[in-house]
Structures are given as C-alpha cells and as structure tokens.
C-alpha cells in the first residue's frame, strides 16, 4: 500500500508499505477520507510528545471495512465507518473515571500508531462508529467535531444565548457551528482574515474583524467565549468578553512556554469560570448525528480534497492559500 510516512528530522515521504493484516479484535479499513490537523504539523516538527517515528500520520479518518480479524463481531466487510483515534490504557485514574483523553499513557492512531494517510489502516474494532450514507469527507470531521463537543461539555447546565469564538479556521468554525446547531441564538466569530469572516457570515454567524471597533461592543456581553487561535494574547483577554457569571474556554493550543495573567479578584467578583479541554473523549457518537443533520453546512468546512501526492506536497510546502480543512480523498 502507499502511505505518507513521517521520520525523524522533519522528514516526510510517500512510501510503499506492506498491507496491514488484522490482529484479533482489529479490522482493516480502506481509507476514503483523512484530514490534516495542526497536530500533524506539530508531530512532524517533533513538538508533540509521545509520538514515535516512523509514523503514518492522520487521526481524522473514515473508510470502508475490507477485512476483519478474529474475535470481531457486529462488523462486516463493506461497512462504512469512522475512527475514534484515542487509545486509553484502561487502568489509570483518568481511564477509570471515563476520561480516556486524559489517559496517563494516551495513544492514538496517527500519533502513536499508524493512522489514516494511507490506502489501508488496521484499527481496533472497538474504535469504529458506523456512518451510514454520510459523505466520507463529512464523516472524517467527526474527530475534530468530537473535540469541539468535548469543549462544549463545559456548558452543561449553563444558559448560553450569546457566544464568541476567536479564530475562524476550520476548528473555530466547527465550534461556532456546533454552538449554533445546539441552539445558541447569537454566535460571533472573530478573525483577522476577511475571507474567513465572509465565509462565517454565509453560515449565519456574526463575523467581526479582530481589528474592528465592533469588537469593543462585545466586551462583558458573552455567556461563553472560546479561544480557537492558540495565541496567548487572545487567551489572555478572554475574561474581557465574558458576561458576569459566564464561562471561557482555552481551546486553541498555545505554546507550552506561554503564560498569561488572571485576576483572582475578577474571577471571584464576577463569578467567572475558565476551562481547558483536551482532544475528544468518546464524543464521535454525539458528533455523527449533528453532522448528519447539518451535512451540507459541514461539507463546506472541507476546502480541498487531495490525492496522497498532493497531501505530501501540503506537508512539505504548506496548505494551499485560503485552505480550511484539507483532506486526503481516496475514491
């Protein structure tokens, strides 16, 4: 089979690898769609702890079951499925509390095991979810949307009529759309890119330039504010936009060395809540119904569907100008 392979020293190539065979409890899927995530870029740079080289990246992928291993039941060749990539140890404190995403020994397809930028991938049958007739590319959004839903779990039991997401990239747009899909009446996206702001507007989202005076009117008015930029200066000012009694979410991935200042008195006096969430926590099952109900909107997040050769070029040279979600698409 053909596969994108990361090797130490920021080396990436398109290689010919043996087709995988399923071990007991595994299936082989023919990958149909697999999305590039910022995490993949950090893995290639060597900035993502726990990754092992050589590695076939890709943790946002869907495909067709083509072979099943021993002890696999309820799954058959021809089934259309999406992968929940996270692999918990099952025995640590976090796993025992149902927080696989916080596992002390967390692994993942495309991070610690070969993933979806290949013709085929061996996957534990327990990590698959059926997608019915859902478009392959939309189904592959179940992983990033799952991360979004894990982030929005911080809103459980809260009133959320107004929300602002800083960052209009694919993950920021998915968060804004998920808020809208779940009933938030007024969702604002803030970004520097006029193209991304125009796109956000076509989704029925309010779009505000980070350079606009309109940003001032948002201060202290939002029930929920999320940073999806990973820019420390943006994260530092979240509380400036949160309504008294509201909540903020550090969702973008800031550099590990970044530090910001928080006023304990402001947190106390205004009864603010600040959260951070990591990855997804078995949220694919919740993501798929949302994607099915809003398939046409979700499909617009995918800006490029590429061959493996084109994916290789993107890893080496960067994504095309104006790209949102870039995916491998195997017919």
C-alpha atoms as a PDB file:
ATOM      1  CA  UNK A   1       0.000   0.000   0.000  1.00  0.00           C
ATOM      2  CA  UNK A   2       1.010   3.644  -0.299  1.00  0.00           C
ATOM      3  CA  UNK A   3       1.311   5.824   2.799  1.00  0.00           C
ATOM      4  CA  UNK A   4       2.605   9.182   3.970  1.00  0.00           C
ATOM      5  CA  UNK A   5       5.434   8.487   6.436  1.00  0.00           C
ATOM      6  CA  UNK A   6       6.924  10.869   8.981  1.00  0.00           C
ATOM      7  CA  UNK A   7      10.522  10.220  10.006  1.00  0.00           C
ATOM      8  CA  UNK A   8      12.782  11.964  12.481  1.00  0.00           C
ATOM      9  CA  UNK A   9      14.334  15.215  11.399  1.00  0.00           C
ATOM     10  CA  UNK A  10      11.127  16.620   9.890  1.00  0.00           C
ATOM     11  CA  UNK A  11      11.325  14.174   7.001  1.00  0.00           C
ATOM     12  CA  UNK A  12       8.130  13.219   5.198  1.00  0.00           C
ATOM     13  CA  UNK A  13       7.750  10.975   2.174  1.00  0.00           C
ATOM     14  CA  UNK A  14       5.257   8.905   0.219  1.00  0.00           C
ATOM     15  CA  UNK A  15       6.313   5.288   0.627  1.00  0.00           C
ATOM     16  CA  UNK A  16       5.246   1.787  -0.283  1.00  0.00           C
ATOM     17  CA  UNK A  17       4.474  -0.253   2.839  1.00  0.00           C
ATOM     18  CA  UNK A  18       3.171  -3.803   3.329  1.00  0.00           C
ATOM     19  CA  UNK A  19      -0.607  -4.038   3.513  1.00  0.00           C
ATOM     20  CA  UNK A  20      -1.609  -4.442   7.180  1.00  0.00           C
ATOM     21  CA  UNK A  21      -3.132  -7.695   8.447  1.00  0.00           C
ATOM     22  CA  UNK A  22      -5.775  -7.579  11.182  1.00  0.00           C
ATOM     23  CA  UNK A  23      -4.812  -8.909  14.581  1.00  0.00           C
ATOM     24  CA  UNK A  24      -7.505 -10.330  16.876  1.00  0.00           C
ATOM     25  CA  UNK A  25     -10.002  -7.592  17.655  1.00  0.00           C
ATOM     26  CA  UNK A  26      -8.931  -5.471  14.689  1.00  0.00           C
ATOM     27  CA  UNK A  27     -10.326  -4.660  11.281  1.00  0.00           C
ATOM     28  CA  UNK A  28      -8.677  -3.312   8.157  1.00  0.00           C
ATOM     29  CA  UNK A  29     -10.282  -0.266   6.619  1.00  0.00           C
ATOM     30  CA  UNK A  30      -9.678   1.149   3.179  1.00  0.00           C
ATOM     31  CA  UNK A  31      -9.229   4.840   3.957  1.00  0.00           C
ATOM     32  CA  UNK A  32     -11.628   7.050   1.994  1.00  0.00           C
ATOM     33  CA  UNK A  33     -11.053  10.439   3.663  1.00  0.00           C
ATOM     34  CA  UNK A  34      -8.449  11.697   6.119  1.00  0.00           C
ATOM     35  CA  UNK A  35      -7.983  15.284   7.306  1.00  0.00           C
ATOM     36  CA  UNK A  36      -4.841  17.261   8.067  1.00  0.00           C
ATOM     37  CA  UNK A  37      -4.817  18.722  11.580  1.00  0.00           C
ATOM     38  CA  UNK A  38      -2.413  21.217  13.155  1.00  0.00           C
ATOM     39  CA  UNK A  39      -1.382  18.360  15.442  1.00  0.00           C
ATOM     40  CA  UNK A  40       0.041  16.549  12.404  1.00  0.00           C
ATOM     41  CA  UNK A  41       2.275  19.526  11.655  1.00  0.00           C
ATOM     42  CA  UNK A  42       3.495  19.614  15.273  1.00  0.00           C
ATOM     43  CA  UNK A  43       4.213  15.872  15.165  1.00  0.00           C
ATOM     44  CA  UNK A  44       6.284  16.339  12.006  1.00  0.00           C
ATOM     45  CA  UNK A  45       8.234  19.144  13.704  1.00  0.00           C
ATOM     46  CA  UNK A  46       8.924  16.895  16.690  1.00  0.00           C
ATOM     47  CA  UNK A  47       6.932  19.114  19.050  1.00  0.00           C
ATOM     48  CA  UNK A  48       4.305  16.566  20.062  1.00  0.00           C
ATOM     49  CA  UNK A  49       5.466  14.374  22.930  1.00  0.00           C
ATOM     50  CA  UNK A  50       4.712  10.679  22.765  1.00  0.00           C
ATOM     51  CA  UNK A  51       4.824  10.345  19.007  1.00  0.00           C
ATOM     52  CA  UNK A  52       7.065   7.624  17.615  1.00  0.00           C
ATOM     53  CA  UNK A  53       8.861   7.638  14.286  1.00  0.00           C
ATOM     54  CA  UNK A  54       8.492   6.307  11.680  1.00  0.00           C
ATOM     55  CA  UNK A  55       4.782   7.078  11.706  1.00  0.00           C
ATOM     56  CA  UNK A  56       1.897   7.150   9.257  1.00  0.00           C
ATOM     57  CA  UNK A  57       0.008  10.273  10.437  1.00  0.00           C
ATOM     58  CA  UNK A  58      -3.701  11.001  10.215  1.00  0.00           C
ATOM     59  CA  UNK A  59      -6.156  10.812  13.107  1.00  0.00           C
ATOM     60  CA  UNK A  60      -9.262  12.256  11.376  1.00  0.00           C
ATOM     61  CA  UNK A  61     -10.310   9.458   9.033  1.00  0.00           C
ATOM     62  CA  UNK A  62     -13.178   7.390   7.721  1.00  0.00           C
ATOM     63  CA  UNK A  63     -13.244   4.383   5.448  1.00  0.00           C
ATOM     64  CA  UNK A  64     -14.700   1.058   4.380  1.00  0.00           C
ATOM     65  CA  UNK A  65     -14.089  -2.192   6.249  1.00  0.00           C
ATOM     66  CA  UNK A  66     -12.315  -4.655   3.951  1.00  0.00           C
ATOM     67  CA  UNK A  67     -11.142  -7.368   6.367  1.00  0.00           C
ATOM     68  CA  UNK A  68     -11.860  -8.433   9.941  1.00  0.00           C
ATOM     69  CA  UNK A  69      -9.684 -10.207  12.488  1.00  0.00           C
ATOM     70  CA  UNK A  70     -10.520 -12.950  14.942  1.00  0.00           C
ATOM     71  CA  UNK A  71     -12.970 -12.182  17.737  1.00  0.00           C
ATOM     72  CA  UNK A  72     -14.600  -9.300  15.828  1.00  0.00           C
ATOM     73  CA  UNK A  73     -18.394  -9.392  15.827  1.00  0.00           C
ATOM     74  CA  UNK A  74     -21.032  -6.978  14.582  1.00  0.00           C
ATOM     75  CA  UNK A  75     -18.777  -5.543  11.866  1.00  0.00           C
ATOM     76  CA  UNK A  76     -18.625  -6.817   8.293  1.00  0.00           C
ATOM     77  CA  UNK A  77     -16.648  -6.102   5.131  1.00  0.00           C
ATOM     78  CA  UNK A  78     -18.322  -3.266   3.281  1.00  0.00           C
ATOM     79  CA  UNK A  79     -19.339  -1.374   6.435  1.00  0.00           C
ATOM     80  CA  UNK A  80     -18.800   2.395   6.229  1.00  0.00           C
ATOM     81  CA  UNK A  81     -17.151   3.631   9.417  1.00  0.00           C
ATOM     82  CA  UNK A  82     -15.297   6.475  11.095  1.00  0.00           C
ATOM     83  CA  UNK A  83     -12.479   6.098  13.620  1.00  0.00           C
ATOM     84  CA  UNK A  84     -12.261   7.455  17.169  1.00  0.00           C
ATOM     85  CA  UNK A  85      -8.457   7.616  17.319  1.00  0.00           C
ATOM     86  CA  UNK A  86      -7.786   7.910  21.054  1.00  0.00           C
ATOM     87  CA  UNK A  87      -6.431   4.818  22.795  1.00  0.00           C
ATOM     88  CA  UNK A  88      -6.555   4.737  26.590  1.00  0.00           C
ATOM     89  CA  UNK A  89      -4.731   2.252  28.777  1.00  0.00           C
ATOM     90  CA  UNK A  90      -7.945   1.430  30.646  1.00  0.00           C
ATOM     91  CA  UNK A  91      -6.254   1.181  34.046  1.00  0.00           C
ATOM     92  CA  UNK A  92      -5.026   4.652  35.021  1.00  0.00           C
ATOM     93  CA  UNK A  93      -7.039   7.030  37.217  1.00  0.00           C
ATOM     94  CA  UNK A  94      -8.334   9.055  34.241  1.00  0.00           C
ATOM     95  CA  UNK A  95      -9.435   5.991  32.293  1.00  0.00           C
ATOM     96  CA  UNK A  96     -11.166   4.555  35.326  1.00  0.00           C
ATOM     97  CA  UNK A  97     -13.168   7.799  35.539  1.00  0.00           C
ATOM     98  CA  UNK A  98     -14.101   7.672  31.862  1.00  0.00           C
ATOM     99  CA  UNK A  99     -11.655  10.355  30.754  1.00  0.00           C
ATOM    100  CA  UNK A 100      -9.718   8.496  28.106  1.00  0.00           C
ATOM    101  CA  UNK A 101      -8.479  11.757  26.611  1.00  0.00           C
ATOM    102  CA  UNK A 102      -6.550  12.382  29.838  1.00  0.00           C
ATOM    103  CA  UNK A 103      -5.038   8.889  29.998  1.00  0.00           C
ATOM    104  CA  UNK A 104      -1.568   8.853  31.561  1.00  0.00           C
ATOM    105  CA  UNK A 105      -0.423   6.679  28.659  1.00  0.00           C
ATOM    106  CA  UNK A 106      -2.619   8.136  25.936  1.00  0.00           C
ATOM    107  CA  UNK A 107      -2.053   6.804  22.440  1.00  0.00           C
ATOM    108  CA  UNK A 108      -3.833   7.497  19.188  1.00  0.00           C
ATOM    109  CA  UNK A 109      -3.977   6.337  15.617  1.00  0.00           C
ATOM    110  CA  UNK A 110      -1.921   8.781  13.598  1.00  0.00           C
ATOM    111  CA  UNK A 111       0.039   9.851  16.679  1.00  0.00           C
ATOM    112  CA  UNK A 112       1.500   6.750  18.343  1.00  0.00           C
ATOM    113  CA  UNK A 113       0.218   4.161  15.857  1.00  0.00           C
ATOM    114  CA  UNK A 114      -0.106   4.286  12.099  1.00  0.00           C
ATOM    115  CA  UNK A 115      -3.094   6.328  11.014  1.00  0.00           C
ATOM    116  CA  UNK A 116      -5.163   7.427   8.077  1.00  0.00           C
ATOM    117  CA  UNK A 117      -2.822   8.930   5.480  1.00  0.00           C
ATOM    118  CA  UNK A 118      -2.539   5.586   3.728  1.00  0.00           C
ATOM    119  CA  UNK A 119      -4.512   3.286   1.492  1.00  0.00           C
ATOM    120  CA  UNK A 120      -5.287   0.979   4.435  1.00  0.00           C
ATOM    121  CA  UNK A 121      -5.180   1.092   8.220  1.00  0.00           C
ATOM    122  CA  UNK A 122      -5.528  -1.550  10.946  1.00  0.00           C
ATOM    123  CA  UNK A 123      -7.884  -0.306  13.661  1.00  0.00           C
ATOM    124  CA  UNK A 124      -9.373  -1.804  16.805  1.00  0.00           C
ATOM    125  CA  UNK A 125     -12.981  -2.738  16.111  1.00  0.00           C
ATOM    126  CA  UNK A 126     -13.930  -1.022  19.377  1.00  0.00           C
ATOM    127  CA  UNK A 127     -12.846   2.349  17.944  1.00  0.00           C
ATOM    128  CA  UNK A 128     -15.238   2.356  14.984  1.00  0.00           C
ATOM    129  CA  UNK A 129     -18.623   4.014  14.550  1.00  0.00           C
ATOM    130  CA  UNK A 130     -20.984   3.387  11.615  1.00  0.00           C
ATOM    131  CA  UNK A 131     -21.665   6.388   9.371  1.00  0.00           C
ATOM    132  CA  UNK A 132     -24.475   5.119   7.165  1.00  0.00           C
ATOM    133  CA  UNK A 133     -24.654   7.067   3.918  1.00  0.00           C
ATOM    134  CA  UNK A 134     -22.818  10.127   5.277  1.00  0.00           C
ATOM    135  CA  UNK A 135     -20.330  11.695   2.863  1.00  0.00           C
ATOM    136  CA  UNK A 136     -16.801  10.375   3.526  1.00  0.00           C
ATOM    137  CA  UNK A 137     -15.298  13.819   3.988  1.00  0.00           C
ATOM    138  CA  UNK A 138     -18.042  14.946   6.346  1.00  0.00           C
ATOM    139  CA  UNK A 139     -17.696  11.714   8.338  1.00  0.00           C
ATOM    140  CA  UNK A 140     -13.967  12.429   8.762  1.00  0.00           C
ATOM    141  CA  UNK A 141     -14.975  15.654  10.537  1.00  0.00           C
ATOM    142  CA  UNK A 142     -16.367  13.556  13.399  1.00  0.00           C
ATOM    143  CA  UNK A 143     -12.992  13.619  15.172  1.00  0.00           C
ATOM    144  CA  UNK A 144     -12.490  17.415  15.175  1.00  0.00           C
ATOM    145  CA  UNK A 145     -16.181  17.942  15.918  1.00  0.00           C
ATOM    146  CA  UNK A 146     -15.782  15.458  18.756  1.00  0.00           C
ATOM    147  CA  UNK A 147     -13.018  17.683  20.156  1.00  0.00           C
ATOM    148  CA  UNK A 148     -15.399  20.633  19.870  1.00  0.00           C
ATOM    149  CA  UNK A 149     -18.164  18.772  21.689  1.00  0.00           C
ATOM    150  CA  UNK A 150     -15.772  17.832  24.467  1.00  0.00           C
ATOM    151  CA  UNK A 151     -15.025  21.551  24.751  1.00  0.00           C
ATOM    152  CA  UNK A 152     -18.703  22.452  24.798  1.00  0.00           C
ATOM    153  CA  UNK A 153     -19.344  19.918  27.555  1.00  0.00           C
ATOM    154  CA  UNK A 154     -18.188  22.722  29.865  1.00  0.00           C
ATOM    155  CA  UNK A 155     -21.522  24.408  29.092  1.00  0.00           C
ATOM    156  CA  UNK A 156     -23.593  21.575  30.550  1.00  0.00           C
ATOM    157  CA  UNK A 157     -26.193  23.094  32.868  1.00  0.00           C
ATOM    158  CA  UNK A 158     -25.427  26.660  31.747  1.00  0.00           C
ATOM    159  CA  UNK A 159     -27.520  29.176  29.829  1.00  0.00           C
ATOM    160  CA  UNK A 160     -25.753  30.084  26.588  1.00  0.00           C
ATOM    161  CA  UNK A 161     -27.612  32.647  24.498  1.00  0.00           C
ATOM    162  CA  UNK A 162     -24.540  34.533  23.252  1.00  0.00           C
ATOM    163  CA  UNK A 163     -21.153  33.092  22.350  1.00  0.00           C
ATOM    164  CA  UNK A 164     -17.987  34.282  20.662  1.00  0.00           C
ATOM    165  CA  UNK A 165     -15.269  32.158  19.122  1.00  0.00           C
ATOM    166  CA  UNK A 166     -11.897  33.764  18.485  1.00  0.00           C
ATOM    167  CA  UNK A 167     -10.452  32.101  15.387  1.00  0.00           C
ATOM    168  CA  UNK A 168     -12.220  31.392  12.105  1.00  0.00           C
ATOM    169  CA  UNK A 169     -10.146  28.438  10.955  1.00  0.00           C
ATOM    170  CA  UNK A 170     -11.726  25.004  10.441  1.00  0.00           C
ATOM    171  CA  UNK A 171     -11.828  24.122  14.141  1.00  0.00           C
ATOM    172  CA  UNK A 172     -13.085  27.580  15.139  1.00  0.00           C
ATOM    173  CA  UNK A 173     -15.811  27.434  12.506  1.00  0.00           C
ATOM    174  CA  UNK A 174     -16.784  23.943  13.653  1.00  0.00           C
ATOM    175  CA  UNK A 175     -17.090  25.225  17.213  1.00  0.00           C
ATOM    176  CA  UNK A 176     -19.177  28.205  16.124  1.00  0.00           C
ATOM    177  CA  UNK A 177     -21.409  25.966  14.014  1.00  0.00           C
ATOM    178  CA  UNK A 178     -21.806  23.449  16.829  1.00  0.00           C
ATOM    179  CA  UNK A 179     -22.933  26.256  19.124  1.00  0.00           C
ATOM    180  CA  UNK A 180     -25.460  27.348  16.514  1.00  0.00           C
ATOM    181  CA  UNK A 181     -26.627  23.794  15.849  1.00  0.00           C
ATOM    182  CA  UNK A 182     -27.142  23.260  19.579  1.00  0.00           C
ATOM    183  CA  UNK A 183     -29.329  26.343  19.918  1.00  0.00           C
ATOM    184  CA  UNK A 184     -27.156  29.324  20.866  1.00  0.00           C
ATOM    185  CA  UNK A 185     -29.074  32.283  19.477  1.00  0.00           C
ATOM    186  CA  UNK A 186     -26.185  34.599  18.629  1.00  0.00           C
ATOM    187  CA  UNK A 187     -22.766  33.230  17.724  1.00  0.00           C
ATOM    188  CA  UNK A 188     -19.912  35.529  16.736  1.00  0.00           C
ATOM    189  CA  UNK A 189     -16.658  34.598  15.012  1.00  0.00           C
ATOM    190  CA  UNK A 190     -13.654  36.907  15.369  1.00  0.00           C
ATOM    191  CA  UNK A 191     -10.740  36.663  12.963  1.00  0.00           C
ATOM    192  CA  UNK A 192      -8.207  38.756  11.070  1.00  0.00           C
ATOM    193  CA  UNK A 193      -8.930  37.157   7.672  1.00  0.00           C
ATOM    194  CA  UNK A 194     -11.634  38.888   5.659  1.00  0.00           C
ATOM    195  CA  UNK A 195     -12.137  35.723   3.596  1.00  0.00           C
ATOM    196  CA  UNK A 196     -12.807  33.651   6.705  1.00  0.00           C
ATOM    197  CA  UNK A 197     -15.101  36.317   8.097  1.00  0.00           C
ATOM    198  CA  UNK A 198     -17.082  36.405   4.855  1.00  0.00           C
ATOM    199  CA  UNK A 199     -17.401  32.625   4.972  1.00  0.00           C
ATOM    200  CA  UNK A 200     -18.566  32.738   8.596  1.00  0.00           C
ATOM    201  CA  UNK A 201     -21.266  35.194   7.560  1.00  0.00           C
ATOM    202  CA  UNK A 202     -22.604  32.775   4.961  1.00  0.00           C
ATOM    203  CA  UNK A 203     -23.227  30.277   7.769  1.00  0.00           C
ATOM    204  CA  UNK A 204     -25.470  32.761   9.561  1.00  0.00           C
ATOM    205  CA  UNK A 205     -22.769  33.578  12.086  1.00  0.00           C
ATOM    206  CA  UNK A 206     -21.938  37.130  13.097  1.00  0.00           C
ATOM    207  CA  UNK A 207     -18.459  37.974  11.779  1.00  0.00           C
ATOM    208  CA  UNK A 208     -16.298  40.605  13.466  1.00  0.00           C
ATOM    209  CA  UNK A 209     -12.798  41.624  12.441  1.00  0.00           C
ATOM    210  CA  UNK A 210     -10.221  41.484  15.200  1.00  0.00           C
ATOM    211  CA  UNK A 211      -9.197  44.961  14.022  1.00  0.00           C
ATOM    212  CA  UNK A 212     -12.712  46.402  14.074  1.00  0.00           C
ATOM    213  CA  UNK A 213     -14.174  48.776  16.647  1.00  0.00           C
ATOM    214  CA  UNK A 214     -17.167  46.384  16.704  1.00  0.00           C
ATOM    215  CA  UNK A 215     -15.070  44.169  18.955  1.00  0.00           C
ATOM    216  CA  UNK A 216     -15.436  46.687  21.770  1.00  0.00           C
ATOM    217  CA  UNK A 217     -19.204  46.192  21.853  1.00  0.00           C
ATOM    218  CA  UNK A 218     -18.703  42.501  22.663  1.00  0.00           C
ATOM    219  CA  UNK A 219     -16.903  43.144  25.916  1.00  0.00           C
ATOM    220  CA  UNK A 220     -18.626  41.715  29.006  1.00  0.00           C
ATOM    221  CA  UNK A 221     -21.633  40.585  26.911  1.00  0.00           C
ATOM    222  CA  UNK A 222     -20.970  36.931  26.096  1.00  0.00           C
ATOM    223  CA  UNK A 223     -22.233  33.904  28.002  1.00  0.00           C
ATOM    224  CA  UNK A 224     -19.407  31.838  26.507  1.00  0.00           C
ATOM    225  CA  UNK A 225     -16.102  32.811  24.891  1.00  0.00           C
ATOM    226  CA  UNK A 226     -13.616  30.389  23.359  1.00  0.00           C
ATOM    227  CA  UNK A 227     -10.103  30.875  22.070  1.00  0.00           C
ATOM    228  CA  UNK A 228      -9.528  28.742  18.978  1.00  0.00           C
ATOM    229  CA  UNK A 229      -6.399  30.607  17.875  1.00  0.00           C
ATOM    230  CA  UNK A 230      -3.717  29.302  20.211  1.00  0.00           C
ATOM    231  CA  UNK A 231      -2.429  32.880  20.501  1.00  0.00           C
ATOM    232  CA  UNK A 232      -1.549  33.708  24.106  1.00  0.00           C
ATOM    233  CA  UNK A 233      -2.524  37.375  23.754  1.00  0.00           C
ATOM    234  CA  UNK A 234      -6.014  36.321  22.689  1.00  0.00           C
ATOM    235  CA  UNK A 235      -6.308  33.799  25.505  1.00  0.00           C
ATOM    236  CA  UNK A 236      -5.194  36.446  27.999  1.00  0.00           C
ATOM    237  CA  UNK A 237      -8.162  38.668  27.203  1.00  0.00           C
ATOM    238  CA  UNK A 238     -10.978  36.111  27.255  1.00  0.00           C
ATOM    239  CA  UNK A 239     -12.347  37.415  30.547  1.00  0.00           C
ATOM    240  CA  UNK A 240     -12.779  40.830  28.943  1.00  0.00           C
ATOM    241  CA  UNK A 241     -15.577  39.461  26.764  1.00  0.00           C
ATOM    242  CA  UNK A 242     -17.323  37.144  29.232  1.00  0.00           C
ATOM    243  CA  UNK A 243     -20.569  38.274  30.820  1.00  0.00           C
ATOM    244  CA  UNK A 244     -20.730  38.170  34.628  1.00  0.00           C
ATOM    245  CA  UNK A 245     -21.435  34.571  35.580  1.00  0.00           C
ATOM    246  CA  UNK A 246     -20.256  33.321  32.171  1.00  0.00           C
ATOM    247  CA  UNK A 247     -17.568  30.914  31.027  1.00  0.00           C
ATOM    248  CA  UNK A 248     -14.443  30.901  28.902  1.00  0.00           C
ATOM    249  CA  UNK A 249     -12.625  28.042  27.182  1.00  0.00           C
ATOM    250  CA  UNK A 250      -8.943  27.694  26.333  1.00  0.00           C
ATOM    251  CA  UNK A 251      -9.383  25.505  23.255  1.00  0.00           C
ATOM    252  CA  UNK A 252      -6.612  26.628  20.904  1.00  0.00           C
ATOM    253  CA  UNK A 253      -3.177  25.106  21.509  1.00  0.00           C
ATOM    254  CA  UNK A 254      -0.854  27.768  22.884  1.00  0.00           C
ATOM    255  CA  UNK A 255       2.875  27.156  23.180  1.00  0.00           C
ATOM    256  CA  UNK A 256       3.815  25.262  26.343  1.00  0.00           C
ATOM    257  CA  UNK A 257       6.000  28.171  27.447  1.00  0.00           C
ATOM    258  CA  UNK A 258       3.219  30.782  27.147  1.00  0.00           C
ATOM    259  CA  UNK A 259       1.976  32.440  30.339  1.00  0.00           C
ATOM    260  CA  UNK A 260      -0.937  34.846  30.926  1.00  0.00           C
ATOM    261  CA  UNK A 261      -2.188  36.811  33.922  1.00  0.00           C
ATOM    262  CA  UNK A 262      -5.555  36.149  35.569  1.00  0.00           C
ATOM    263  CA  UNK A 263      -7.074  38.320  38.302  1.00  0.00           C
ATOM    264  CA  UNK A 264      -8.371  36.116  41.146  1.00  0.00           C
ATOM    265  CA  UNK A 265     -10.483  39.009  42.385  1.00  0.00           C
ATOM    266  CA  UNK A 266     -12.165  39.387  38.986  1.00  0.00           C
ATOM    267  CA  UNK A 267     -12.852  35.658  38.885  1.00  0.00           C
ATOM    268  CA  UNK A 268     -14.383  35.883  42.364  1.00  0.00           C
ATOM    269  CA  UNK A 269     -16.328  39.111  41.985  1.00  0.00           C
ATOM    270  CA  UNK A 270     -17.765  38.345  38.549  1.00  0.00           C
ATOM    271  CA  UNK A 271     -18.188  34.604  39.249  1.00  0.00           C
ATOM    272  CA  UNK A 272     -16.387  33.609  36.069  1.00  0.00           C
ATOM    273  CA  UNK A 273     -15.483  30.081  35.026  1.00  0.00           C
ATOM    274  CA  UNK A 274     -12.467  29.295  32.883  1.00  0.00           C
ATOM    275  CA  UNK A 275     -11.951  25.845  31.379  1.00  0.00           C
ATOM    276  CA  UNK A 276      -9.484  23.962  29.279  1.00  0.00           C
ATOM    277  CA  UNK A 277     -10.311  20.803  27.338  1.00  0.00           C
ATOM    278  CA  UNK A 278      -8.073  18.367  25.508  1.00  0.00           C
ATOM    279  CA  UNK A 279      -8.903  16.317  22.416  1.00  0.00           C
ATOM    280  CA  UNK A 280     -12.121  14.302  22.361  1.00  0.00           C
ATOM    281  CA  UNK A 281     -13.488  11.932  24.959  1.00  0.00           C
ATOM    282  CA  UNK A 282     -15.615   9.334  23.182  1.00  0.00           C
ATOM    283  CA  UNK A 283     -17.590  12.135  21.505  1.00  0.00           C
ATOM    284  CA  UNK A 284     -17.782  10.655  17.999  1.00  0.00           C
ATOM    285  CA  UNK A 285     -21.169   9.097  18.743  1.00  0.00           C
ATOM    286  CA  UNK A 286     -22.519  12.572  19.539  1.00  0.00           C
ATOM    287  CA  UNK A 287     -20.779  14.213  16.587  1.00  0.00           C
ATOM    288  CA  UNK A 288     -22.237  11.939  13.907  1.00  0.00           C
ATOM    289  CA  UNK A 289     -25.934  12.865  14.402  1.00  0.00           C
ATOM    290  CA  UNK A 290     -25.019  16.567  14.246  1.00  0.00           C
ATOM    291  CA  UNK A 291     -23.038  16.021  11.053  1.00  0.00           C
ATOM    292  CA  UNK A 292     -25.895  14.025   9.542  1.00  0.00           C
ATOM    293  CA  UNK A 293     -28.462  16.717  10.321  1.00  0.00           C
ATOM    294  CA  UNK A 294     -26.220  19.507   9.030  1.00  0.00           C
ATOM    295  CA  UNK A 295     -24.294  17.660   6.318  1.00  0.00           C
ATOM    296  CA  UNK A 296     -24.445  20.430   3.705  1.00  0.00           C
ATOM    297  CA  UNK A 297     -23.060  23.057   6.089  1.00  0.00           C
ATOM    298  CA  UNK A 298     -20.403  20.724   7.468  1.00  0.00           C
ATOM    299  CA  UNK A 299     -19.235  19.810   3.959  1.00  0.00           C
ATOM    300  CA  UNK A 300     -18.322  23.450   3.347  1.00  0.00           C
ATOM    301  CA  UNK A 301     -15.609  23.229   6.018  1.00  0.00           C
ATOM    302  CA  UNK A 302     -13.700  20.910   3.669  1.00  0.00           C
ATOM    303  CA  UNK A 303     -11.967  23.197   1.193  1.00  0.00           C
ATOM    304  CA  UNK A 304      -9.609  20.716  -0.519  1.00  0.00           C
ATOM    305  CA  UNK A 305      -9.852  17.012  -1.328  1.00  0.00           C
ATOM    306  CA  UNK A 306      -6.446  15.724  -2.364  1.00  0.00           C
ATOM    307  CA  UNK A 307      -4.525  12.684  -3.520  1.00  0.00           C
ATOM    308  CA  UNK A 308      -1.707  11.246  -1.419  1.00  0.00           C
ATOM    309  CA  UNK A 309       0.779  13.008  -3.709  1.00  0.00           C
ATOM    310  CA  UNK A 310      -0.937  16.336  -3.081  1.00  0.00           C
ATOM    311  CA  UNK A 311      -1.096  15.662   0.660  1.00  0.00           C
ATOM    312  CA  UNK A 312       2.669  15.060   0.593  1.00  0.00           C
ATOM    313  CA  UNK A 313       3.139  18.447  -1.057  1.00  0.00           C
ATOM    314  CA  UNK A 314       0.972  20.098   1.615  1.00  0.00           C
ATOM    315  CA  UNK A 315       3.098  18.619   4.383  1.00  0.00           C
ATOM    316  CA  UNK A 316       6.269  19.740   2.668  1.00  0.00           C
ATOM    317  CA  UNK A 317       5.208  23.148   1.385  1.00  0.00           C
ATOM    318  CA  UNK A 318       2.186  24.149   3.431  1.00  0.00           C
ATOM    319  CA  UNK A 319      -1.524  24.085   2.678  1.00  0.00           C
ATOM    320  CA  UNK A 320      -2.877  25.995  -0.328  1.00  0.00           C
ATOM    321  CA  UNK A 321      -3.579  29.666   0.228  1.00  0.00           C
ATOM    322  CA  UNK A 322      -7.041  30.136   1.709  1.00  0.00           C
ATOM    323  CA  UNK A 323      -7.408  26.494   2.699  1.00  0.00           C
ATOM    324  CA  UNK A 324      -9.677  25.397   5.525  1.00  0.00           C
ATOM    325  CA  UNK A 325      -9.896  21.656   6.141  1.00  0.00           C
ATOM    326  CA  UNK A 326      -7.608  19.771   3.761  1.00  0.00           C
ATOM    327  CA  UNK A 327      -8.365  16.078   3.322  1.00  0.00           C
ATOM    328  CA  UNK A 328      -6.993  13.052   1.572  1.00  0.00           C
ATOM    329  CA  UNK A 329      -9.775  11.682  -0.593  1.00  0.00           C
ATOM    330  CA  UNK A 330      -9.424   8.122  -1.920  1.00  0.00           C
ATOM    331  CA  UNK A 331     -12.136   7.215  -4.413  1.00  0.00           C
END
